[in-house]
């Protein structure tokens, strides 16, 4: 989640990590994207 004093970011999710980029990380991020898209379709 992204927190803000305003409601401007109520539909945003901030991802932050400090690991080196890798193919495994890319696949995991892609999976998160697919899950988020699927969840958004159920709203």
C-alpha atoms as a PDB file:
ATOM      1  CA  UNK A   1       0.000   0.000   0.000  1.00  0.00           C
ATOM      2  CA  UNK A   2       0.979   3.569  -0.518  1.00  0.00           C
ATOM      3  CA  UNK A   3      -0.003   5.830   2.325  1.00  0.00           C
ATOM      4  CA  UNK A   4      -0.868   9.482   1.784  1.00  0.00           C
ATOM      5  CA  UNK A   5      -2.567  12.248   3.741  1.00  0.00           C
ATOM      6  CA  UNK A   6      -4.847  12.664   0.732  1.00  0.00           C
ATOM      7  CA  UNK A   7      -7.018  10.090  -0.986  1.00  0.00           C
ATOM      8  CA  UNK A   8      -5.060  10.634  -4.221  1.00  0.00           C
ATOM      9  CA  UNK A   9      -3.333   7.243  -4.010  1.00  0.00           C
ATOM     10  CA  UNK A  10      -6.131   4.999  -2.779  1.00  0.00           C
ATOM     11  CA  UNK A  11      -5.888   2.762  -5.886  1.00  0.00           C
ATOM     12  CA  UNK A  12      -2.106   2.390  -5.870  1.00  0.00           C
ATOM     13  CA  UNK A  13       0.236  -0.259  -4.550  1.00  0.00           C
ATOM     14  CA  UNK A  14       3.900   0.571  -4.074  1.00  0.00           C
ATOM     15  CA  UNK A  15       6.386  -2.268  -4.346  1.00  0.00           C
ATOM     16  CA  UNK A  16       9.827  -1.711  -2.930  1.00  0.00           C
ATOM     17  CA  UNK A  17      12.720  -4.123  -2.556  1.00  0.00           C
ATOM     18  CA  UNK A  18      16.491  -4.005  -2.451  1.00  0.00           C
ATOM     19  CA  UNK A  19      17.476  -7.281  -4.044  1.00  0.00           C
ATOM     20  CA  UNK A  20      19.562  -7.591  -7.197  1.00  0.00           C
ATOM     21  CA  UNK A  21      17.435  -7.938 -10.331  1.00  0.00           C
ATOM     22  CA  UNK A  22      17.186 -11.478 -11.669  1.00  0.00           C
ATOM     23  CA  UNK A  23      15.035 -13.628 -13.915  1.00  0.00           C
ATOM     24  CA  UNK A  24      13.456 -15.130 -10.782  1.00  0.00           C
ATOM     25  CA  UNK A  25      12.577 -11.643  -9.518  1.00  0.00           C
ATOM     26  CA  UNK A  26      11.094 -10.749 -12.891  1.00  0.00           C
ATOM     27  CA  UNK A  27       8.881 -13.855 -12.918  1.00  0.00           C
ATOM     28  CA  UNK A  28       7.703 -13.109  -9.375  1.00  0.00           C
ATOM     29  CA  UNK A  29       6.831  -9.519 -10.279  1.00  0.00           C
ATOM     30  CA  UNK A  30       4.988 -10.708 -13.361  1.00  0.00           C
ATOM     31  CA  UNK A  31       2.999 -13.128 -11.197  1.00  0.00           C
ATOM     32  CA  UNK A  32       2.086 -10.291  -8.808  1.00  0.00           C
ATOM     33  CA  UNK A  33       0.900  -8.277 -11.797  1.00  0.00           C
ATOM     34  CA  UNK A  34      -1.309 -11.114 -13.031  1.00  0.00           C
ATOM     35  CA  UNK A  35      -2.771 -11.648  -9.552  1.00  0.00           C
ATOM     36  CA  UNK A  36      -3.463  -7.929  -9.151  1.00  0.00           C
ATOM     37  CA  UNK A  37      -5.162  -7.797 -12.550  1.00  0.00           C
ATOM     38  CA  UNK A  38      -7.277 -10.819 -11.654  1.00  0.00           C
ATOM     39  CA  UNK A  39      -8.239  -9.309  -8.290  1.00  0.00           C
ATOM     40  CA  UNK A  40      -9.107  -5.964  -9.894  1.00  0.00           C
ATOM     41  CA  UNK A  41     -11.482  -7.743 -12.245  1.00  0.00           C
ATOM     42  CA  UNK A  42     -13.481  -9.037  -9.298  1.00  0.00           C
ATOM     43  CA  UNK A  43     -14.184  -5.593  -7.830  1.00  0.00           C
END
